[in-house]
Amino acid sequence: MIDQLHGVVAPFTTAFKADGAIDFSAIKPQIDWLIGNGVHGVAGGGSTGEGHALDRGEYQELMAATVEAAAGRVPVVAGIIANTTAEVAR
């Protein structure tokens, strides 16, 4: 889908529960709303600021849930915020 990137690729927030765990139930409603309002793609785990606070496992789970919620309707961009190039490569 990378060749389909164009227009508005919207970031969305990662909701957290009171215990600090990601609230995965909040992802699909946000993705549905964004797509329903005309975005051309979505970006998770990056530019809204929380990406650097996730460990690698949480980040992978977030991206998997984002891809599932988008269900092929729009491209998904993985936002990457890390302190080192080595961490980004991992």
PDB file of N, CA and C in Angstrom:
ATOM      1  N   MET A   1       0.806  -1.205   0.000  1.00  0.00           N
ATOM      2  CA  MET A   1       0.000   0.000   0.000  1.00  0.00           C
ATOM      3  C   MET A   1       0.844   1.263   0.000  1.00  0.00           C
ATOM      4  N   ILE A   2       2.159   1.152   0.123  1.00  0.00           N
ATOM      5  CA  ILE A   2       2.983   2.354   0.175  1.00  0.00           C
ATOM      6  C   ILE A   2       2.790   3.219  -1.056  1.00  0.00           C
ATOM      7  N   ASP A   3       2.528   2.602  -2.199  1.00  0.00           N
ATOM      8  CA  ASP A   3       2.314   3.384  -3.415  1.00  0.00           C
ATOM      9  C   ASP A   3       0.962   4.109  -3.391  1.00  0.00           C
ATOM     10  N   GLN A   4       0.156   3.840  -2.403  1.00  0.00           N
ATOM     11  CA  GLN A   4      -1.149   4.494  -2.288  1.00  0.00           C
ATOM     12  C   GLN A   4      -1.133   5.678  -1.318  1.00  0.00           C
ATOM     13  N   LEU A   5       0.036   6.008  -0.764  1.00  0.00           N
ATOM     14  CA  LEU A   5       0.097   7.135   0.172  1.00  0.00           C
ATOM     15  C   LEU A   5      -0.096   8.445  -0.571  1.00  0.00           C
ATOM     16  N   HIS A   6      -1.073   9.193  -0.126  1.00  0.00           N
ATOM     17  CA  HIS A   6      -1.358  10.512  -0.679  1.00  0.00           C
ATOM     18  C   HIS A   6      -2.333  11.217   0.258  1.00  0.00           C
ATOM     19  N   GLY A   7      -2.534  12.470   0.049  1.00  0.00           N
ATOM     20  CA  GLY A   7      -3.551  13.195   0.805  1.00  0.00           C
ATOM     21  C   GLY A   7      -3.254  13.301   2.286  1.00  0.00           C
ATOM     22  N   VAL A   8      -4.272  13.113   3.094  1.00  0.00           N
ATOM     23  CA  VAL A   8      -4.169  13.279   4.543  1.00  0.00           C
ATOM     24  C   VAL A   8      -3.924  11.922   5.195  1.00  0.00           C
ATOM     25  N   VAL A   9      -2.777  11.798   5.865  1.00  0.00           N
ATOM     26  CA  VAL A   9      -2.467  10.615   6.673  1.00  0.00           C
ATOM     27  C   VAL A   9      -2.501  11.105   8.119  1.00  0.00           C
ATOM     28  N   ALA A  10      -3.573  10.764   8.801  1.00  0.00           N
ATOM     29  CA  ALA A  10      -3.841  11.341  10.123  1.00  0.00           C
ATOM     30  C   ALA A  10      -3.258  10.507  11.259  1.00  0.00           C
ATOM     31  N   PRO A  11      -2.581  11.168  12.188  1.00  0.00           N
ATOM     32  CA  PRO A  11      -2.191  10.465  13.414  1.00  0.00           C
ATOM     33  C   PRO A  11      -3.416  10.319  14.310  1.00  0.00           C
ATOM     34  N   PHE A  12      -3.353   9.387  15.217  1.00  0.00           N
ATOM     35  CA  PHE A  12      -4.419   9.249  16.211  1.00  0.00           C
ATOM     36  C   PHE A  12      -3.778   8.935  17.552  1.00  0.00           C
ATOM     37  N   THR A  13      -4.477   9.249  18.601  1.00  0.00           N
ATOM     38  CA  THR A  13      -3.920   9.055  19.935  1.00  0.00           C
ATOM     39  C   THR A  13      -4.005   7.595  20.364  1.00  0.00           C
ATOM     40  N   THR A  14      -3.095   7.218  21.232  1.00  0.00           N
ATOM     41  CA  THR A  14      -3.132   5.909  21.864  1.00  0.00           C
ATOM     42  C   THR A  14      -3.742   6.107  23.237  1.00  0.00           C
ATOM     43  N   ALA A  15      -4.916   5.559  23.436  1.00  0.00           N
ATOM     44  CA  ALA A  15      -5.588   5.687  24.735  1.00  0.00           C
ATOM     45  C   ALA A  15      -4.984   4.684  25.718  1.00  0.00           C
ATOM     46  N   PHE A  16      -4.924   5.102  26.972  1.00  0.00           N
ATOM     47  CA  PHE A  16      -4.401   4.236  28.030  1.00  0.00           C
ATOM     48  C   PHE A  16      -5.446   4.068  29.124  1.00  0.00           C
ATOM     49  N   LYS A  17      -5.416   2.907  29.757  1.00  0.00           N
ATOM     50  CA  LYS A  17      -6.277   2.636  30.908  1.00  0.00           C
ATOM     51  C   LYS A  17      -5.627   3.238  32.152  1.00  0.00           C
ATOM     52  N   ALA A  18      -6.361   3.255  33.243  1.00  0.00           N
ATOM     53  CA  ALA A  18      -5.861   3.828  34.496  1.00  0.00           C
ATOM     54  C   ALA A  18      -4.582   3.131  34.975  1.00  0.00           C
ATOM     55  N   ASP A  19      -4.433   1.846  34.642  1.00  0.00           N
ATOM     56  CA  ASP A  19      -3.244   1.105  35.083  1.00  0.00           C
ATOM     57  C   ASP A  19      -2.049   1.295  34.151  1.00  0.00           C
ATOM     58  N   GLY A  20      -2.207   2.115  33.099  1.00  0.00           N
ATOM     59  CA  GLY A  20      -1.108   2.381  32.181  1.00  0.00           C
ATOM     60  C   GLY A  20      -1.061   1.484  30.959  1.00  0.00           C
ATOM     61  N   ALA A  21      -1.924   0.483  30.906  1.00  0.00           N
ATOM     62  CA  ALA A  21      -1.969  -0.410  29.740  1.00  0.00           C
ATOM     63  C   ALA A  21      -2.684   0.283  28.584  1.00  0.00           C
ATOM     64  N   ILE A  22      -2.318  -0.085  27.376  1.00  0.00           N
ATOM     65  CA  ILE A  22      -2.983   0.472  26.203  1.00  0.00           C
ATOM     66  C   ILE A  22      -4.444   0.022  26.203  1.00  0.00           C
ATOM     67  N   ASP A  23      -5.337   0.935  25.907  1.00  0.00           N
ATOM     68  CA  ASP A  23      -6.758   0.617  25.789  1.00  0.00           C
ATOM     69  C   ASP A  23      -7.045   0.291  24.322  1.00  0.00           C
ATOM     70  N   PHE A  24      -6.855  -0.961  23.973  1.00  0.00           N
ATOM     71  CA  PHE A  24      -7.011  -1.383  22.576  1.00  0.00           C
ATOM     72  C   PHE A  24      -8.437  -1.204  22.064  1.00  0.00           C
ATOM     73  N   SER A  25      -9.408  -1.171  22.969  1.00  0.00           N
ATOM     74  CA  SER A  25     -10.796  -0.995  22.531  1.00  0.00           C
ATOM     75  C   SER A  25     -11.045   0.406  21.965  1.00  0.00           C
ATOM     76  N   ALA A  26     -10.149   1.337  22.208  1.00  0.00           N
ATOM     77  CA  ALA A  26     -10.323   2.706  21.723  1.00  0.00           C
ATOM     78  C   ALA A  26      -9.745   2.925  20.325  1.00  0.00           C
ATOM     79  N   ILE A  27      -9.030   1.952  19.795  1.00  0.00           N
ATOM     80  CA  ILE A  27      -8.366   2.141  18.498  1.00  0.00           C
ATOM     81  C   ILE A  27      -9.364   2.119  17.349  1.00  0.00           C
ATOM     82  N   LYS A  28     -10.155   1.066  17.245  1.00  0.00           N
ATOM     83  CA  LYS A  28     -11.063   0.944  16.107  1.00  0.00           C
ATOM     84  C   LYS A  28     -12.043   2.108  15.988  1.00  0.00           C
ATOM     85  N   PRO A  29     -12.654   2.564  17.086  1.00  0.00           N
ATOM     86  CA  PRO A  29     -13.558   3.718  16.935  1.00  0.00           C
ATOM     87  C   PRO A  29     -12.859   4.956  16.361  1.00  0.00           C
ATOM     88  N   GLN A  30     -11.616   5.186  16.767  1.00  0.00           N
ATOM     89  CA  GLN A  30     -10.885   6.329  16.215  1.00  0.00           C
ATOM     90  C   GLN A  30     -10.600   6.143  14.730  1.00  0.00           C
ATOM     91  N   ILE A  31     -10.149   4.939  14.369  1.00  0.00           N
ATOM     92  CA  ILE A  31      -9.837   4.651  12.967  1.00  0.00           C
ATOM     93  C   ILE A  31     -11.108   4.769  12.123  1.00  0.00           C
ATOM     94  N   ASP A  32     -12.201   4.202  12.598  1.00  0.00           N
ATOM     95  CA  ASP A  32     -13.471   4.288  11.860  1.00  0.00           C
ATOM     96  C   ASP A  32     -13.882   5.743  11.657  1.00  0.00           C
ATOM     97  N   TRP A  33     -13.741   6.554  12.705  1.00  0.00           N
ATOM     98  CA  TRP A  33     -14.129   7.957  12.618  1.00  0.00           C
ATOM     99  C   TRP A  33     -13.251   8.698  11.608  1.00  0.00           C
ATOM    100  N   LEU A  34     -11.945   8.474  11.684  1.00  0.00           N
ATOM    101  CA  LEU A  34     -11.029   9.144  10.753  1.00  0.00           C
ATOM    102  C   LEU A  34     -11.335   8.766   9.310  1.00  0.00           C
ATOM    103  N   ILE A  35     -11.497   7.473   9.065  1.00  0.00           N
ATOM    104  CA  ILE A  35     -11.791   7.021   7.699  1.00  0.00           C
ATOM    105  C   ILE A  35     -13.146   7.557   7.250  1.00  0.00           C
ATOM    106  N   GLY A  36     -14.121   7.522   8.130  1.00  0.00           N
ATOM    107  CA  GLY A  36     -15.443   8.047   7.806  1.00  0.00           C
ATOM    108  C   GLY A  36     -15.449   9.528   7.480  1.00  0.00           C
ATOM    109  N   ASN A  37     -14.435  10.226   7.951  1.00  0.00           N
ATOM    110  CA  ASN A  37     -14.325  11.656   7.687  1.00  0.00           C
ATOM    111  C   ASN A  37     -13.310  11.976   6.595  1.00  0.00           C
ATOM    112  N   GLY A  38     -12.901  10.948   5.848  1.00  0.00           N
ATOM    113  CA  GLY A  38     -12.182  11.189   4.617  1.00  0.00           C
ATOM    114  C   GLY A  38     -10.667  11.137   4.608  1.00  0.00           C
ATOM    115  N   VAL A  39     -10.036  10.673   5.691  1.00  0.00           N
ATOM    116  CA  VAL A  39      -8.577  10.592   5.627  1.00  0.00           C
ATOM    117  C   VAL A  39      -8.151   9.534   4.608  1.00  0.00           C
ATOM    118  N   HIS A  40      -6.946   9.689   4.120  1.00  0.00           N
ATOM    119  CA  HIS A  40      -6.408   8.775   3.110  1.00  0.00           C
ATOM    120  C   HIS A  40      -5.486   7.717   3.708  1.00  0.00           C
ATOM    121  N   GLY A  41      -5.175   7.850   4.992  1.00  0.00           N
ATOM    122  CA  GLY A  41      -4.317   6.910   5.698  1.00  0.00           C
ATOM    123  C   GLY A  41      -4.289   7.271   7.168  1.00  0.00           C
ATOM    124  N   VAL A  42      -3.752   6.373   7.984  1.00  0.00           N
ATOM    125  CA  VAL A  42      -3.629   6.632   9.413  1.00  0.00           C
ATOM    126  C   VAL A  42      -2.208   6.326   9.867  1.00  0.00           C
ATOM    127  N   ALA A  43      -1.765   7.061  10.880  1.00  0.00           N
ATOM    128  CA  ALA A  43      -0.425   6.868  11.441  1.00  0.00           C
ATOM    129  C   ALA A  43      -0.558   6.613  12.936  1.00  0.00           C
ATOM    130  N   GLY A  44      -0.090   5.475  13.374  1.00  0.00           N
ATOM    131  CA  GLY A  44      -0.173   5.115  14.786  1.00  0.00           C
ATOM    132  C   GLY A  44       1.177   5.128  15.471  1.00  0.00           C
ATOM    133  N   GLY A  45       1.166   5.402  16.763  1.00  0.00           N
ATOM    134  CA  GLY A  45       2.365   5.270  17.577  1.00  0.00           C
ATOM    135  C   GLY A  45       3.458   6.275  17.314  1.00  0.00           C
ATOM    136  N   GLY A  46       3.115   7.434  16.819  1.00  0.00           N
ATOM    137  CA  GLY A  46       4.181   8.363  16.481  1.00  0.00           C
ATOM    138  C   GLY A  46       3.938   9.781  16.903  1.00  0.00           C
ATOM    139  N   SER A  47       3.430  10.567  15.996  1.00  0.00           N
ATOM    140  CA  SER A  47       3.471  12.017  16.139  1.00  0.00           C
ATOM    141  C   SER A  47       2.535  12.616  17.181  1.00  0.00           C
ATOM    142  N   THR A  48       1.725  11.816  17.840  1.00  0.00           N
ATOM    143  CA  THR A  48       0.892  12.376  18.905  1.00  0.00           C
ATOM    144  C   THR A  48       1.615  12.344  20.247  1.00  0.00           C
ATOM    145  N   GLY A  49       2.836  11.843  20.272  1.00  0.00           N
ATOM    146  CA  GLY A  49       3.698  11.977  21.439  1.00  0.00           C
ATOM    147  C   GLY A  49       3.873  10.762  22.313  1.00  0.00           C
ATOM    148  N   GLU A  50       2.990   9.784  22.234  1.00  0.00           N
ATOM    149  CA  GLU A  50       3.108   8.665  23.166  1.00  0.00           C
ATOM    150  C   GLU A  50       4.016   7.551  22.655  1.00  0.00           C
ATOM    151  N   GLY A  51       4.387   7.584  21.405  1.00  0.00           N
ATOM    152  CA  GLY A  51       5.176   6.501  20.826  1.00  0.00           C
ATOM    153  C   GLY A  51       6.467   6.218  21.550  1.00  0.00           C
ATOM    154  N   HIS A  52       7.154   7.245  22.005  1.00  0.00           N
ATOM    155  CA  HIS A  52       8.421   7.042  22.704  1.00  0.00           C
ATOM    156  C   HIS A  52       8.246   6.398  24.074  1.00  0.00           C
ATOM    157  N   ALA A  53       7.021   6.411  24.614  1.00  0.00           N
ATOM    158  CA  ALA A  53       6.762   5.853  25.939  1.00  0.00           C
ATOM    159  C   ALA A  53       6.389   4.374  25.892  1.00  0.00           C
ATOM    160  N   LEU A  54       6.214   3.826  24.693  1.00  0.00           N
ATOM    161  CA  LEU A  54       5.832   2.420  24.550  1.00  0.00           C
ATOM    162  C   LEU A  54       7.068   1.545  24.441  1.00  0.00           C
ATOM    163  N   ASP A  55       7.033   0.369  25.075  1.00  0.00           N
ATOM    164  CA  ASP A  55       8.134  -0.558  24.840  1.00  0.00           C
ATOM    165  C   ASP A  55       7.885  -1.266  23.507  1.00  0.00           C
ATOM    166  N   ARG A  56       8.847  -2.005  23.049  1.00  0.00           N
ATOM    167  CA  ARG A  56       8.761  -2.611  21.722  1.00  0.00           C
ATOM    168  C   ARG A  56       7.538  -3.520  21.581  1.00  0.00           C
ATOM    169  N   GLY A  57       7.262  -4.307  22.594  1.00  0.00           N
ATOM    170  CA  GLY A  57       6.100  -5.198  22.537  1.00  0.00           C
ATOM    171  C   GLY A  57       4.788  -4.436  22.453  1.00  0.00           C
ATOM    172  N   GLU A  58       4.666  -3.388  23.263  1.00  0.00           N
ATOM    173  CA  GLU A  58       3.453  -2.564  23.223  1.00  0.00           C
ATOM    174  C   GLU A  58       3.289  -1.916  21.853  1.00  0.00           C
ATOM    175  N   TYR A  59       4.399  -1.430  21.324  1.00  0.00           N
ATOM    176  CA  TYR A  59       4.360  -0.775  20.014  1.00  0.00           C
ATOM    177  C   TYR A  59       3.907  -1.763  18.935  1.00  0.00           C
ATOM    178  N   GLN A  60       4.457  -2.968  18.965  1.00  0.00           N
ATOM    179  CA  GLN A  60       4.069  -3.985  17.977  1.00  0.00           C
ATOM    180  C   GLN A  60       2.594  -4.338  18.113  1.00  0.00           C
ATOM    181  N   GLU A  61       2.099  -4.464  19.337  1.00  0.00           N
ATOM    182  CA  GLU A  61       0.675  -4.744  19.555  1.00  0.00           C
ATOM    183  C   GLU A  61      -0.198  -3.600  19.052  1.00  0.00           C
ATOM    184  N   LEU A  62       0.244  -2.368  19.307  1.00  0.00           N
ATOM    185  CA  LEU A  62      -0.499  -1.202  18.838  1.00  0.00           C
ATOM    186  C   LEU A  62      -0.584  -1.199  17.312  1.00  0.00           C
ATOM    187  N   MET A  63       0.523  -1.467  16.651  1.00  0.00           N
ATOM    188  CA  MET A  63       0.513  -1.451  15.194  1.00  0.00           C
ATOM    189  C   MET A  63      -0.336  -2.594  14.637  1.00  0.00           C
ATOM    190  N   ALA A  64      -0.280  -3.761  15.254  1.00  0.00           N
ATOM    191  CA  ALA A  64      -1.111  -4.885  14.807  1.00  0.00           C
ATOM    192  C   ALA A  64      -2.591  -4.537  14.957  1.00  0.00           C
ATOM    193  N   ALA A  65      -2.959  -3.919  16.073  1.00  0.00           N
ATOM    194  CA  ALA A  65      -4.355  -3.529  16.288  1.00  0.00           C
ATOM    195  C   ALA A  65      -4.772  -2.442  15.300  1.00  0.00           C
ATOM    196  N   THR A  66      -3.851  -1.562  14.946  1.00  0.00           N
ATOM    197  CA  THR A  66      -4.143  -0.502  13.980  1.00  0.00           C
ATOM    198  C   THR A  66      -4.388  -1.081  12.600  1.00  0.00           C
ATOM    199  N   VAL A  67      -3.548  -2.002  12.182  1.00  0.00           N
ATOM    200  CA  VAL A  67      -3.726  -2.659  10.879  1.00  0.00           C
ATOM    201  C   VAL A  67      -5.051  -3.406  10.854  1.00  0.00           C
ATOM    202  N   GLU A  68      -5.367  -4.102  11.950  1.00  0.00           N
ATOM    203  CA  GLU A  68      -6.641  -4.829  12.018  1.00  0.00           C
ATOM    204  C   GLU A  68      -7.825  -3.871  11.928  1.00  0.00           C
ATOM    205  N   ALA A  69      -7.757  -2.744  12.629  1.00  0.00           N
ATOM    206  CA  ALA A  69      -8.856  -1.777  12.626  1.00  0.00           C
ATOM    207  C   ALA A  69      -9.023  -1.119  11.262  1.00  0.00           C
ATOM    208  N   ALA A  70      -7.915  -0.844  10.583  1.00  0.00           N
ATOM    209  CA  ALA A  70      -7.991  -0.221   9.256  1.00  0.00           C
ATOM    210  C   ALA A  70      -8.541  -1.191   8.225  1.00  0.00           C
ATOM    211  N   ALA A  71      -8.317  -2.467   8.430  1.00  0.00           N
ATOM    212  CA  ALA A  71      -8.891  -3.538   7.604  1.00  0.00           C
ATOM    213  C   ALA A  71      -8.721  -3.300   6.097  1.00  0.00           C
ATOM    214  N   GLY A  72      -7.552  -2.785   5.716  1.00  0.00           N
ATOM    215  CA  GLY A  72      -7.272  -2.601   4.294  1.00  0.00           C
ATOM    216  C   GLY A  72      -7.978  -1.424   3.646  1.00  0.00           C
ATOM    217  N   ARG A  73      -8.719  -0.655   4.437  1.00  0.00           N
ATOM    218  CA  ARG A  73      -9.464   0.468   3.856  1.00  0.00           C
ATOM    219  C   ARG A  73      -8.563   1.632   3.481  1.00  0.00           C
ATOM    220  N   VAL A  74      -7.503   1.843   4.245  1.00  0.00           N
ATOM    221  CA  VAL A  74      -6.532   2.900   3.979  1.00  0.00           C
ATOM    222  C   VAL A  74      -5.150   2.375   4.381  1.00  0.00           C
ATOM    223  N   PRO A  75      -4.085   2.974   3.848  1.00  0.00           N
ATOM    224  CA  PRO A  75      -2.744   2.580   4.296  1.00  0.00           C
ATOM    225  C   PRO A  75      -2.514   2.937   5.761  1.00  0.00           C
ATOM    226  N   VAL A  76      -1.676   2.153   6.419  1.00  0.00           N
ATOM    227  CA  VAL A  76      -1.275   2.408   7.797  1.00  0.00           C
ATOM    228  C   VAL A  76       0.211   2.746   7.790  1.00  0.00           C
ATOM    229  N   VAL A  77       0.556   3.856   8.419  1.00  0.00           N
ATOM    230  CA  VAL A  77       1.946   4.267   8.563  1.00  0.00           C
ATOM    231  C   VAL A  77       2.344   4.039  10.012  1.00  0.00           C
ATOM    232  N   ALA A  78       3.467   3.378  10.209  1.00  0.00           N
ATOM    233  CA  ALA A  78       3.975   3.143  11.557  1.00  0.00           C
ATOM    234  C   ALA A  78       4.826   4.330  11.959  1.00  0.00           C
ATOM    235  N   GLY A  79       4.321   5.124  12.900  1.00  0.00           N
ATOM    236  CA  GLY A  79       5.104   6.235  13.414  1.00  0.00           C
ATOM    237  C   GLY A  79       6.213   5.699  14.291  1.00  0.00           C
ATOM    238  N   ILE A  80       7.413   6.170  14.062  1.00  0.00           N
ATOM    239  CA  ILE A  80       8.546   5.668  14.842  1.00  0.00           C
ATOM    240  C   ILE A  80       9.205   6.825  15.569  1.00  0.00           C
ATOM    241  N   ILE A  81       9.144   6.777  16.884  1.00  0.00           N
ATOM    242  CA  ILE A  81       9.829   7.752  17.718  1.00  0.00           C
ATOM    243  C   ILE A  81      10.728   6.959  18.656  1.00  0.00           C
ATOM    244  N   ALA A  82      12.019   7.118  18.471  1.00  0.00           N
ATOM    245  CA  ALA A  82      12.985   6.411  19.326  1.00  0.00           C
ATOM    246  C   ALA A  82      14.189   7.315  19.521  1.00  0.00           C
ATOM    247  N   ASN A  83      14.951   7.030  20.554  1.00  0.00           N
ATOM    248  CA  ASN A  83      16.100   7.870  20.869  1.00  0.00           C
ATOM    249  C   ASN A  83      17.350   7.514  20.079  1.00  0.00           C
ATOM    250  N   THR A  84      17.386   6.338  19.473  1.00  0.00           N
ATOM    251  CA  THR A  84      18.578   5.951  18.723  1.00  0.00           C
ATOM    252  C   THR A  84      18.182   5.298  17.403  1.00  0.00           C
ATOM    253  N   THR A  85      19.062   5.405  16.433  1.00  0.00           N
ATOM    254  CA  THR A  85      18.849   4.757  15.137  1.00  0.00           C
ATOM    255  C   THR A  85      18.813   3.241  15.323  1.00  0.00           C
ATOM    256  N   ALA A  86      19.623   2.715  16.221  1.00  0.00           N
ATOM    257  CA  ALA A  86      19.651   1.268  16.462  1.00  0.00           C
ATOM    258  C   ALA A  86      18.295   0.770  16.945  1.00  0.00           C
ATOM    259  N   GLU A  87      17.633   1.523  17.820  1.00  0.00           N
ATOM    260  CA  GLU A  87      16.314   1.124  18.308  1.00  0.00           C
ATOM    261  C   GLU A  87      15.299   1.160  17.176  1.00  0.00           C
ATOM    262  N   VAL A  88      15.371   2.164  16.316  1.00  0.00           N
ATOM    263  CA  VAL A  88      14.459   2.237  15.161  1.00  0.00           C
ATOM    264  C   VAL A  88      14.660   1.010  14.285  1.00  0.00           C
ATOM    265  N   ALA A  89      15.894   0.628  14.028  1.00  0.00           N
ATOM    266  CA  ALA A  89      16.184  -0.518  13.170  1.00  0.00           C
ATOM    267  C   ALA A  89      15.657  -1.816  13.765  1.00  0.00           C
ATOM    268  N   ARG A  90      15.695  -1.945  15.095  1.00  0.00           N
ATOM    269  CA  ARG A  90      15.175  -3.159  15.747  1.00  0.00           C
ATOM    270  C   ARG A  90      13.681  -3.243  15.546  1.00  0.00           C
TER     271      ARG A  90
END
